[in-house]
Amino acid sequence: MEAADSAAVHTWASRPEYCRFQSWGPNTEQQTQEFVAESAAAWSQNPQTAYVCVVLVGDKVIGNGELNVQQPRFRRGAIGYGLHPDAWGRGFGTAIGRELLRVGFEEVGLHRIDATCDPRNLGSAAVLRKIGMTYEGRQRQTMLIRDGWRDSEMFSMLEDEWRAG
């Protein structure tokens, strides 16, 4: 992700349906610019703990993916992804999720990767299952969002599960 991606990212980060299950948004242009700037700067941090990239179809930015190393000592990380609503339901989320897992296990050397989603976000839960993550349960009231406290569905994958394919 680089500063030039800000306008494209804002086309979805400013939409209420995109951030419905998040604690942030809809973003102002300035908030999106700050997010993109922080994401771009993460690529030059040493050690690098955040890998945020845009998703391209042709030359059009349609979403983003993020891998965060949360506990380097224990080789543990988390993934997240998002797509412009016009791209929902077309398999792009599954492709992003698989690539984030590949990078996490094969390039970064993680042992465990987690992901969460709001229980009402059935599309995201379906993606996490499709990419082979294991449902571990529900954590109660993990995030305060616009319509109240949100639970989080918990998913994970371990390094040996990834290698087994």
N, C-alpha and C. Protein backbone atom coordinates (compact mmCIF):
# COMPACT_ATOMS: atom_id res chain seq x y z
N MET A 1 0.85 -1.17 0.00
CA MET A 1 0.00 0.00 0.00
C MET A 1 0.90 1.23 0.00
N GLU A 2 0.51 2.20 -0.79
CA GLU A 2 1.28 3.44 -0.88
C GLU A 2 0.31 4.62 -0.89
N ALA A 3 0.84 5.81 -0.67
CA ALA A 3 0.02 7.02 -0.55
C ALA A 3 -0.93 7.21 -1.73
N ALA A 4 -0.50 6.82 -2.92
CA ALA A 4 -1.33 7.00 -4.11
C ALA A 4 -2.61 6.15 -4.07
N ASP A 5 -2.67 5.17 -3.17
CA ASP A 5 -3.85 4.30 -3.07
C ASP A 5 -4.97 4.91 -2.24
N SER A 6 -4.73 6.05 -1.62
CA SER A 6 -5.70 6.63 -0.70
C SER A 6 -7.07 6.87 -1.32
N ALA A 7 -7.12 7.43 -2.51
CA ALA A 7 -8.42 7.72 -3.14
C ALA A 7 -9.20 6.43 -3.39
N ALA A 8 -8.53 5.39 -3.85
CA ALA A 8 -9.21 4.11 -4.10
C ALA A 8 -9.70 3.50 -2.79
N VAL A 9 -8.86 3.49 -1.77
CA VAL A 9 -9.25 2.93 -0.47
C VAL A 9 -10.45 3.68 0.08
N HIS A 10 -10.49 4.98 -0.12
CA HIS A 10 -11.60 5.77 0.42
C HIS A 10 -12.93 5.42 -0.25
N THR A 11 -12.91 4.87 -1.45
CA THR A 11 -14.18 4.51 -2.11
C THR A 11 -14.94 3.44 -1.35
N TRP A 12 -14.23 2.64 -0.53
CA TRP A 12 -14.96 1.68 0.31
C TRP A 12 -14.89 2.04 1.79
N ALA A 13 -13.81 2.63 2.25
CA ALA A 13 -13.68 2.95 3.68
C ALA A 13 -14.68 4.03 4.11
N SER A 14 -15.23 4.74 3.17
CA SER A 14 -16.22 5.78 3.48
C SER A 14 -17.65 5.26 3.45
N ARG A 15 -17.83 3.98 3.13
CA ARG A 15 -19.18 3.42 2.97
C ARG A 15 -19.66 2.72 4.24
N PRO A 16 -20.83 3.08 4.73
CA PRO A 16 -21.34 2.46 5.97
C PRO A 16 -21.44 0.95 5.91
N GLU A 17 -21.84 0.38 4.77
CA GLU A 17 -21.98 -1.07 4.69
C GLU A 17 -20.63 -1.78 4.78
N TYR A 18 -19.56 -1.11 4.38
CA TYR A 18 -18.23 -1.71 4.44
C TYR A 18 -17.75 -1.83 5.88
N CYS A 19 -17.96 -0.81 6.66
CA CYS A 19 -17.41 -0.80 8.03
C CYS A 19 -18.48 -1.10 9.09
N ARG A 20 -19.58 -1.66 8.69
CA ARG A 20 -20.70 -1.96 9.58
C ARG A 20 -20.27 -2.73 10.83
N PHE A 21 -19.37 -3.68 10.68
CA PHE A 21 -18.98 -4.54 11.80
C PHE A 21 -17.66 -4.13 12.43
N GLN A 22 -17.19 -2.93 12.14
CA GLN A 22 -15.90 -2.46 12.65
C GLN A 22 -16.10 -1.34 13.68
N SER A 23 -15.07 -1.07 14.45
CA SER A 23 -15.13 0.00 15.45
C SER A 23 -14.81 1.36 14.84
N TRP A 24 -14.44 1.39 13.59
CA TRP A 24 -14.08 2.63 12.90
C TRP A 24 -15.04 2.87 11.74
N GLY A 25 -14.97 4.06 11.20
CA GLY A 25 -15.69 4.40 9.99
C GLY A 25 -17.15 4.73 10.21
N PRO A 26 -17.80 5.12 9.13
CA PRO A 26 -17.21 5.42 7.83
C PRO A 26 -16.16 6.53 7.94
N ASN A 27 -15.09 6.37 7.19
CA ASN A 27 -13.96 7.28 7.27
C ASN A 27 -14.20 8.59 6.55
N THR A 28 -13.59 9.65 7.11
CA THR A 28 -13.44 10.89 6.36
C THR A 28 -12.24 10.69 5.43
N GLU A 29 -12.06 11.58 4.47
CA GLU A 29 -10.89 11.47 3.58
C GLU A 29 -9.60 11.52 4.39
N GLN A 30 -9.54 12.39 5.40
CA GLN A 30 -8.34 12.51 6.22
C GLN A 30 -8.06 11.21 6.97
N GLN A 31 -9.08 10.57 7.51
CA GLN A 31 -8.88 9.30 8.22
C GLN A 31 -8.34 8.23 7.28
N THR A 32 -8.87 8.18 6.08
CA THR A 32 -8.37 7.20 5.11
C THR A 32 -6.93 7.51 4.74
N GLN A 33 -6.61 8.77 4.53
CA GLN A 33 -5.23 9.15 4.20
C GLN A 33 -4.27 8.75 5.32
N GLU A 34 -4.70 8.94 6.58
CA GLU A 34 -3.86 8.56 7.72
C GLU A 34 -3.65 7.04 7.76
N PHE A 35 -4.73 6.28 7.53
CA PHE A 35 -4.61 4.81 7.50
C PHE A 35 -3.64 4.37 6.40
N VAL A 36 -3.79 4.93 5.22
CA VAL A 36 -2.92 4.54 4.10
C VAL A 36 -1.48 4.93 4.40
N ALA A 37 -1.26 6.11 4.96
CA ALA A 37 0.10 6.55 5.29
C ALA A 37 0.74 5.62 6.32
N GLU A 38 -0.01 5.25 7.36
CA GLU A 38 0.52 4.32 8.38
C GLU A 38 0.80 2.95 7.77
N SER A 39 -0.09 2.49 6.89
CA SER A 39 0.09 1.19 6.25
C SER A 39 1.32 1.19 5.36
N ALA A 40 1.52 2.27 4.62
CA ALA A 40 2.69 2.37 3.74
C ALA A 40 3.97 2.44 4.57
N ALA A 41 3.94 3.18 5.67
CA ALA A 41 5.13 3.32 6.51
C ALA A 41 5.53 1.99 7.16
N ALA A 42 4.56 1.12 7.39
CA ALA A 42 4.84 -0.17 8.05
C ALA A 42 5.82 -1.02 7.25
N TRP A 43 5.86 -0.82 5.93
CA TRP A 43 6.74 -1.62 5.09
C TRP A 43 8.22 -1.32 5.34
N SER A 44 8.53 -0.15 5.92
CA SER A 44 9.93 0.19 6.16
C SER A 44 10.33 0.04 7.63
N GLN A 45 9.44 -0.43 8.47
CA GLN A 45 9.79 -0.64 9.88
C GLN A 45 10.65 -1.89 10.02
N ASN A 46 11.55 -1.84 11.00
CA ASN A 46 12.41 -2.98 11.25
C ASN A 46 12.45 -3.25 12.74
N PRO A 47 11.92 -4.35 13.24
CA PRO A 47 11.35 -5.42 12.43
C PRO A 47 9.95 -5.06 11.93
N GLN A 48 9.61 -5.61 10.80
CA GLN A 48 8.30 -5.36 10.22
C GLN A 48 7.27 -6.25 10.91
N THR A 49 6.20 -5.64 11.40
CA THR A 49 5.15 -6.40 12.06
C THR A 49 3.80 -6.25 11.38
N ALA A 50 3.70 -5.36 10.41
CA ALA A 50 2.43 -5.18 9.68
C ALA A 50 2.72 -5.21 8.18
N TYR A 51 1.94 -6.01 7.50
CA TYR A 51 2.04 -6.15 6.04
C TYR A 51 0.66 -5.83 5.48
N VAL A 52 0.48 -4.61 4.99
CA VAL A 52 -0.80 -4.19 4.45
C VAL A 52 -0.62 -3.94 2.96
N CYS A 53 -1.46 -4.59 2.17
CA CYS A 53 -1.34 -4.46 0.73
C CYS A 53 -2.71 -4.23 0.11
N VAL A 54 -2.70 -3.67 -1.07
CA VAL A 54 -3.95 -3.50 -1.81
C VAL A 54 -4.16 -4.71 -2.70
N VAL A 55 -5.40 -4.90 -3.08
CA VAL A 55 -5.78 -5.99 -3.96
C VAL A 55 -6.14 -5.38 -5.30
N LEU A 56 -5.47 -5.85 -6.33
CA LEU A 56 -5.69 -5.32 -7.68
C LEU A 56 -6.38 -6.35 -8.55
N VAL A 57 -7.32 -5.87 -9.34
CA VAL A 57 -7.87 -6.65 -10.44
C VAL A 57 -7.56 -5.80 -11.67
N GLY A 58 -6.63 -6.30 -12.48
CA GLY A 58 -6.09 -5.45 -13.54
C GLY A 58 -5.30 -4.33 -12.87
N ASP A 59 -5.66 -3.10 -13.18
CA ASP A 59 -5.00 -1.98 -12.50
C ASP A 59 -5.94 -1.27 -11.53
N LYS A 60 -7.06 -1.91 -11.21
CA LYS A 60 -8.05 -1.32 -10.31
C LYS A 60 -7.91 -1.88 -8.90
N VAL A 61 -7.81 -0.98 -7.92
CA VAL A 61 -7.73 -1.36 -6.52
C VAL A 61 -9.15 -1.68 -6.04
N ILE A 62 -9.35 -2.93 -5.56
CA ILE A 62 -10.70 -3.35 -5.13
C ILE A 62 -10.76 -3.73 -3.66
N GLY A 63 -9.64 -3.75 -2.96
CA GLY A 63 -9.66 -4.13 -1.56
C GLY A 63 -8.28 -4.09 -0.95
N ASN A 64 -8.20 -4.60 0.27
CA ASN A 64 -6.92 -4.67 0.95
C ASN A 64 -6.85 -5.91 1.82
N GLY A 65 -5.63 -6.31 2.10
CA GLY A 65 -5.37 -7.43 2.99
C GLY A 65 -4.31 -7.01 3.98
N GLU A 66 -4.35 -7.62 5.16
CA GLU A 66 -3.41 -7.23 6.20
C GLU A 66 -2.99 -8.45 7.01
N LEU A 67 -1.70 -8.56 7.21
CA LEU A 67 -1.12 -9.57 8.07
C LEU A 67 -0.37 -8.82 9.16
N ASN A 68 -0.70 -9.11 10.42
CA ASN A 68 -0.03 -8.48 11.55
C ASN A 68 0.65 -9.54 12.40
N VAL A 69 1.92 -9.31 12.69
CA VAL A 69 2.65 -10.19 13.60
C VAL A 69 2.38 -9.65 14.99
N GLN A 70 1.62 -10.42 15.78
CA GLN A 70 1.18 -9.94 17.08
C GLN A 70 2.09 -10.37 18.21
N GLN A 71 2.64 -11.54 18.13
CA GLN A 71 3.54 -12.05 19.16
C GLN A 71 4.75 -12.69 18.48
N PRO A 72 5.74 -11.88 18.13
CA PRO A 72 6.89 -12.41 17.40
C PRO A 72 7.58 -13.58 18.11
N ARG A 73 7.70 -13.50 19.41
CA ARG A 73 8.38 -14.56 20.17
C ARG A 73 7.69 -15.91 19.96
N PHE A 74 6.38 -15.89 19.84
CA PHE A 74 5.62 -17.13 19.69
C PHE A 74 5.20 -17.39 18.24
N ARG A 75 5.73 -16.55 17.32
CA ARG A 75 5.44 -16.69 15.88
C ARG A 75 3.94 -16.72 15.62
N ARG A 76 3.24 -15.77 16.22
CA ARG A 76 1.79 -15.69 16.11
C ARG A 76 1.39 -14.39 15.41
N GLY A 77 0.41 -14.52 14.52
CA GLY A 77 -0.07 -13.35 13.79
C GLY A 77 -1.56 -13.41 13.57
N ALA A 78 -2.06 -12.40 12.87
CA ALA A 78 -3.49 -12.32 12.56
C ALA A 78 -3.66 -11.74 11.17
N ILE A 79 -4.74 -12.16 10.51
CA ILE A 79 -5.05 -11.61 9.19
C ILE A 79 -6.39 -10.89 9.21
N GLY A 80 -6.52 -9.98 8.28
CA GLY A 80 -7.77 -9.26 8.04
C GLY A 80 -7.81 -8.86 6.59
N TYR A 81 -8.99 -8.60 6.07
CA TYR A 81 -9.13 -8.26 4.67
C TYR A 81 -10.43 -7.50 4.49
N GLY A 82 -10.51 -6.81 3.39
CA GLY A 82 -11.74 -6.09 3.06
C GLY A 82 -11.79 -5.83 1.58
N LEU A 83 -12.99 -5.79 1.07
CA LEU A 83 -13.22 -5.56 -0.35
C LEU A 83 -14.27 -4.47 -0.55
N HIS A 84 -14.10 -3.73 -1.62
CA HIS A 84 -15.15 -2.79 -2.01
C HIS A 84 -16.44 -3.60 -2.15
N PRO A 85 -17.57 -3.08 -1.65
CA PRO A 85 -18.82 -3.84 -1.75
C PRO A 85 -19.18 -4.31 -3.16
N ASP A 86 -18.76 -3.60 -4.18
CA ASP A 86 -19.02 -4.04 -5.56
C ASP A 86 -18.30 -5.34 -5.90
N ALA A 87 -17.29 -5.71 -5.10
CA ALA A 87 -16.52 -6.93 -5.37
C ALA A 87 -16.92 -8.09 -4.45
N TRP A 88 -17.88 -7.88 -3.58
CA TRP A 88 -18.30 -8.95 -2.67
C TRP A 88 -18.89 -10.12 -3.43
N GLY A 89 -18.69 -11.32 -2.89
CA GLY A 89 -19.32 -12.52 -3.43
C GLY A 89 -18.73 -13.04 -4.72
N ARG A 90 -17.52 -12.63 -5.05
CA ARG A 90 -16.91 -13.05 -6.31
C ARG A 90 -15.62 -13.85 -6.12
N GLY A 91 -15.34 -14.28 -4.89
CA GLY A 91 -14.17 -15.11 -4.64
C GLY A 91 -12.90 -14.36 -4.31
N PHE A 92 -12.94 -13.04 -4.35
CA PHE A 92 -11.72 -12.27 -4.08
C PHE A 92 -11.29 -12.37 -2.62
N GLY A 93 -12.26 -12.40 -1.70
CA GLY A 93 -11.92 -12.52 -0.28
C GLY A 93 -11.19 -13.82 0.01
N THR A 94 -11.65 -14.89 -0.61
CA THR A 94 -11.00 -16.19 -0.44
C THR A 94 -9.56 -16.14 -0.97
N ALA A 95 -9.37 -15.53 -2.11
CA ALA A 95 -8.03 -15.41 -2.69
C ALA A 95 -7.12 -14.57 -1.79
N ILE A 96 -7.64 -13.48 -1.25
CA ILE A 96 -6.85 -12.63 -0.35
C ILE A 96 -6.46 -13.43 0.89
N GLY A 97 -7.43 -14.11 1.49
CA GLY A 97 -7.17 -14.87 2.70
C GLY A 97 -6.11 -15.93 2.49
N ARG A 98 -6.20 -16.66 1.40
CA ARG A 98 -5.19 -17.70 1.11
C ARG A 98 -3.80 -17.10 0.95
N GLU A 99 -3.72 -15.97 0.26
CA GLU A 99 -2.42 -15.34 0.05
C GLU A 99 -1.85 -14.82 1.37
N LEU A 100 -2.70 -14.26 2.23
CA LEU A 100 -2.21 -13.80 3.52
C LEU A 100 -1.67 -14.96 4.36
N LEU A 101 -2.36 -16.09 4.33
CA LEU A 101 -1.87 -17.27 5.03
C LEU A 101 -0.53 -17.74 4.44
N ARG A 102 -0.44 -17.76 3.12
CA ARG A 102 0.81 -18.18 2.47
C ARG A 102 1.97 -17.30 2.90
N VAL A 103 1.76 -16.00 2.86
CA VAL A 103 2.82 -15.07 3.26
C VAL A 103 3.17 -15.28 4.73
N GLY A 104 2.16 -15.40 5.56
CA GLY A 104 2.42 -15.58 6.99
C GLY A 104 3.21 -16.82 7.32
N PHE A 105 2.84 -17.93 6.71
CA PHE A 105 3.52 -19.19 7.02
C PHE A 105 4.81 -19.36 6.23
N GLU A 106 4.81 -19.05 4.95
CA GLU A 106 5.96 -19.35 4.10
C GLU A 106 7.01 -18.25 4.06
N GLU A 107 6.62 -17.00 4.18
CA GLU A 107 7.59 -15.91 4.08
C GLU A 107 7.96 -15.32 5.44
N VAL A 108 6.97 -15.16 6.31
CA VAL A 108 7.23 -14.56 7.62
C VAL A 108 7.63 -15.62 8.64
N GLY A 109 7.21 -16.87 8.43
CA GLY A 109 7.59 -17.95 9.31
C GLY A 109 6.75 -18.06 10.57
N LEU A 110 5.48 -17.71 10.47
CA LEU A 110 4.60 -17.80 11.63
C LEU A 110 4.22 -19.25 11.93
N HIS A 111 3.86 -19.51 13.17
CA HIS A 111 3.39 -20.84 13.60
C HIS A 111 1.86 -20.88 13.67
N ARG A 112 1.25 -19.77 14.06
CA ARG A 112 -0.21 -19.70 14.23
C ARG A 112 -0.69 -18.37 13.67
N ILE A 113 -1.82 -18.43 12.94
CA ILE A 113 -2.45 -17.22 12.42
C ILE A 113 -3.92 -17.24 12.82
N ASP A 114 -4.36 -16.14 13.41
CA ASP A 114 -5.74 -15.97 13.86
C ASP A 114 -6.50 -15.04 12.92
N ALA A 115 -7.82 -15.12 13.01
CA ALA A 115 -8.70 -14.17 12.35
C ALA A 115 -10.00 -14.11 13.15
N THR A 116 -10.63 -12.96 13.14
CA THR A 116 -11.91 -12.81 13.82
C THR A 116 -12.91 -12.14 12.88
N CYS A 117 -14.18 -12.32 13.20
CA CYS A 117 -15.22 -11.57 12.50
C CYS A 117 -16.46 -11.48 13.37
N ASP A 118 -17.26 -10.48 13.09
CA ASP A 118 -18.54 -10.31 13.77
C ASP A 118 -19.41 -11.51 13.41
N PRO A 119 -20.12 -12.12 14.36
CA PRO A 119 -20.97 -13.27 14.05
C PRO A 119 -22.03 -12.99 12.98
N ARG A 120 -22.39 -11.73 12.81
CA ARG A 120 -23.38 -11.37 11.79
C ARG A 120 -22.77 -11.27 10.40
N ASN A 121 -21.46 -11.27 10.33
CA ASN A 121 -20.77 -11.15 9.04
C ASN A 121 -20.58 -12.55 8.45
N LEU A 122 -21.66 -13.08 7.92
CA LEU A 122 -21.66 -14.45 7.42
C LEU A 122 -20.70 -14.64 6.25
N GLY A 123 -20.55 -13.62 5.41
CA GLY A 123 -19.63 -13.71 4.27
C GLY A 123 -18.19 -13.87 4.72
N SER A 124 -17.79 -13.11 5.71
CA SER A 124 -16.42 -13.21 6.20
C SER A 124 -16.17 -14.56 6.87
N ALA A 125 -17.14 -15.03 7.66
CA ALA A 125 -16.99 -16.34 8.30
C ALA A 125 -16.87 -17.44 7.24
N ALA A 126 -17.63 -17.32 6.17
CA ALA A 126 -17.55 -18.31 5.08
C ALA A 126 -16.17 -18.30 4.44
N VAL A 127 -15.59 -17.12 4.25
CA VAL A 127 -14.24 -17.02 3.68
C VAL A 127 -13.24 -17.72 4.60
N LEU A 128 -13.32 -17.46 5.89
CA LEU A 128 -12.36 -18.06 6.82
C LEU A 128 -12.47 -19.58 6.83
N ARG A 129 -13.67 -20.10 6.69
CA ARG A 129 -13.83 -21.56 6.61
C ARG A 129 -13.28 -22.09 5.28
N LYS A 130 -13.56 -21.38 4.19
CA LYS A 130 -13.09 -21.82 2.86
C LYS A 130 -11.58 -21.90 2.78
N ILE A 131 -10.90 -21.00 3.46
CA ILE A 131 -9.43 -21.00 3.39
C ILE A 131 -8.83 -22.00 4.38
N GLY A 132 -9.68 -22.75 5.07
CA GLY A 132 -9.20 -23.83 5.91
C GLY A 132 -8.95 -23.49 7.36
N MET A 133 -9.38 -22.31 7.80
CA MET A 133 -9.18 -21.96 9.19
C MET A 133 -10.19 -22.71 10.07
N THR A 134 -9.79 -23.01 11.27
CA THR A 134 -10.60 -23.75 12.22
C THR A 134 -11.38 -22.78 13.11
N TYR A 135 -12.68 -23.02 13.21
CA TYR A 135 -13.51 -22.22 14.12
C TYR A 135 -13.20 -22.64 15.55
N GLU A 136 -12.85 -21.66 16.38
CA GLU A 136 -12.47 -21.95 17.76
C GLU A 136 -13.52 -21.53 18.78
N GLY A 137 -14.48 -20.73 18.37
CA GLY A 137 -15.50 -20.30 19.31
C GLY A 137 -15.77 -18.81 19.22
N ARG A 138 -16.54 -18.35 20.17
CA ARG A 138 -16.95 -16.95 20.19
C ARG A 138 -16.46 -16.28 21.47
N GLN A 139 -15.83 -15.12 21.28
CA GLN A 139 -15.49 -14.27 22.42
C GLN A 139 -16.58 -13.23 22.55
N ARG A 140 -17.03 -13.02 23.77
CA ARG A 140 -18.14 -12.11 24.00
C ARG A 140 -17.68 -10.67 24.16
N GLN A 141 -18.42 -9.78 23.54
CA GLN A 141 -18.27 -8.33 23.68
C GLN A 141 -16.82 -7.87 23.62
N THR A 142 -16.19 -8.12 22.47
CA THR A 142 -14.78 -7.78 22.29
C THR A 142 -14.55 -6.38 21.73
N MET A 143 -15.59 -5.79 21.15
CA MET A 143 -15.40 -4.51 20.47
C MET A 143 -16.68 -3.68 20.55
N LEU A 144 -16.53 -2.40 20.85
CA LEU A 144 -17.67 -1.50 20.86
C LEU A 144 -17.80 -0.87 19.48
N ILE A 145 -18.92 -1.15 18.82
CA ILE A 145 -19.18 -0.57 17.52
C ILE A 145 -20.46 0.27 17.60
N ARG A 146 -20.86 0.84 16.48
CA ARG A 146 -21.99 1.78 16.48
C ARG A 146 -23.28 1.23 17.08
N ASP A 147 -23.57 -0.04 16.91
CA ASP A 147 -24.83 -0.57 17.43
C ASP A 147 -24.66 -1.34 18.74
N GLY A 148 -23.55 -1.14 19.42
CA GLY A 148 -23.34 -1.77 20.73
C GLY A 148 -22.13 -2.68 20.74
N TRP A 149 -22.04 -3.48 21.78
CA TRP A 149 -20.90 -4.39 21.92
C TRP A 149 -21.02 -5.53 20.93
N ARG A 150 -19.89 -5.82 20.29
CA ARG A 150 -19.82 -6.87 19.27
C ARG A 150 -19.07 -8.07 19.80
N ASP A 151 -19.61 -9.24 19.56
CA ASP A 151 -18.88 -10.48 19.82
C ASP A 151 -17.93 -10.73 18.66
N SER A 152 -16.99 -11.63 18.84
CA SER A 152 -16.07 -12.00 17.77
C SER A 152 -16.02 -13.51 17.62
N GLU A 153 -16.25 -13.98 16.41
CA GLU A 153 -16.04 -15.39 16.06
C GLU A 153 -14.54 -15.55 15.86
N MET A 154 -13.97 -16.59 16.45
CA MET A 154 -12.53 -16.81 16.43
C MET A 154 -12.18 -17.98 15.51
N PHE A 155 -11.20 -17.75 14.64
CA PHE A 155 -10.70 -18.77 13.72
C PHE A 155 -9.18 -18.80 13.81
N SER A 156 -8.58 -19.93 13.48
CA SER A 156 -7.12 -20.01 13.44
C SER A 156 -6.66 -21.09 12.47
N MET A 157 -5.40 -20.99 12.13
CA MET A 157 -4.73 -22.05 11.38
C MET A 157 -3.32 -22.16 11.95
N LEU A 158 -2.85 -23.41 12.03
CA LEU A 158 -1.49 -23.68 12.50
C LEU A 158 -0.60 -24.02 11.31
N GLU A 159 0.69 -23.81 11.52
CA GLU A 159 1.68 -24.03 10.47
C GLU A 159 1.59 -25.43 9.86
N ASP A 160 1.45 -26.47 10.68
CA ASP A 160 1.41 -27.82 10.13
C ASP A 160 0.11 -28.06 9.34
N GLU A 161 -0.97 -27.40 9.70
CA GLU A 161 -2.22 -27.51 8.92
C GLU A 161 -2.04 -26.87 7.54
N TRP A 162 -1.34 -25.73 7.51
CA TRP A 162 -1.07 -25.08 6.23
C TRP A 162 -0.21 -26.00 5.34
N ARG A 163 0.83 -26.55 5.92
CA ARG A 163 1.74 -27.41 5.14
C ARG A 163 1.04 -28.67 4.64
N ALA A 164 0.07 -29.17 5.40
CA ALA A 164 -0.67 -30.36 4.99
C ALA A 164 -1.63 -30.04 3.83
N GLY A 165 -1.88 -28.77 3.64
CA GLY A 165 -2.68 -28.33 2.48
C GLY A 165 -4.15 -28.50 2.62
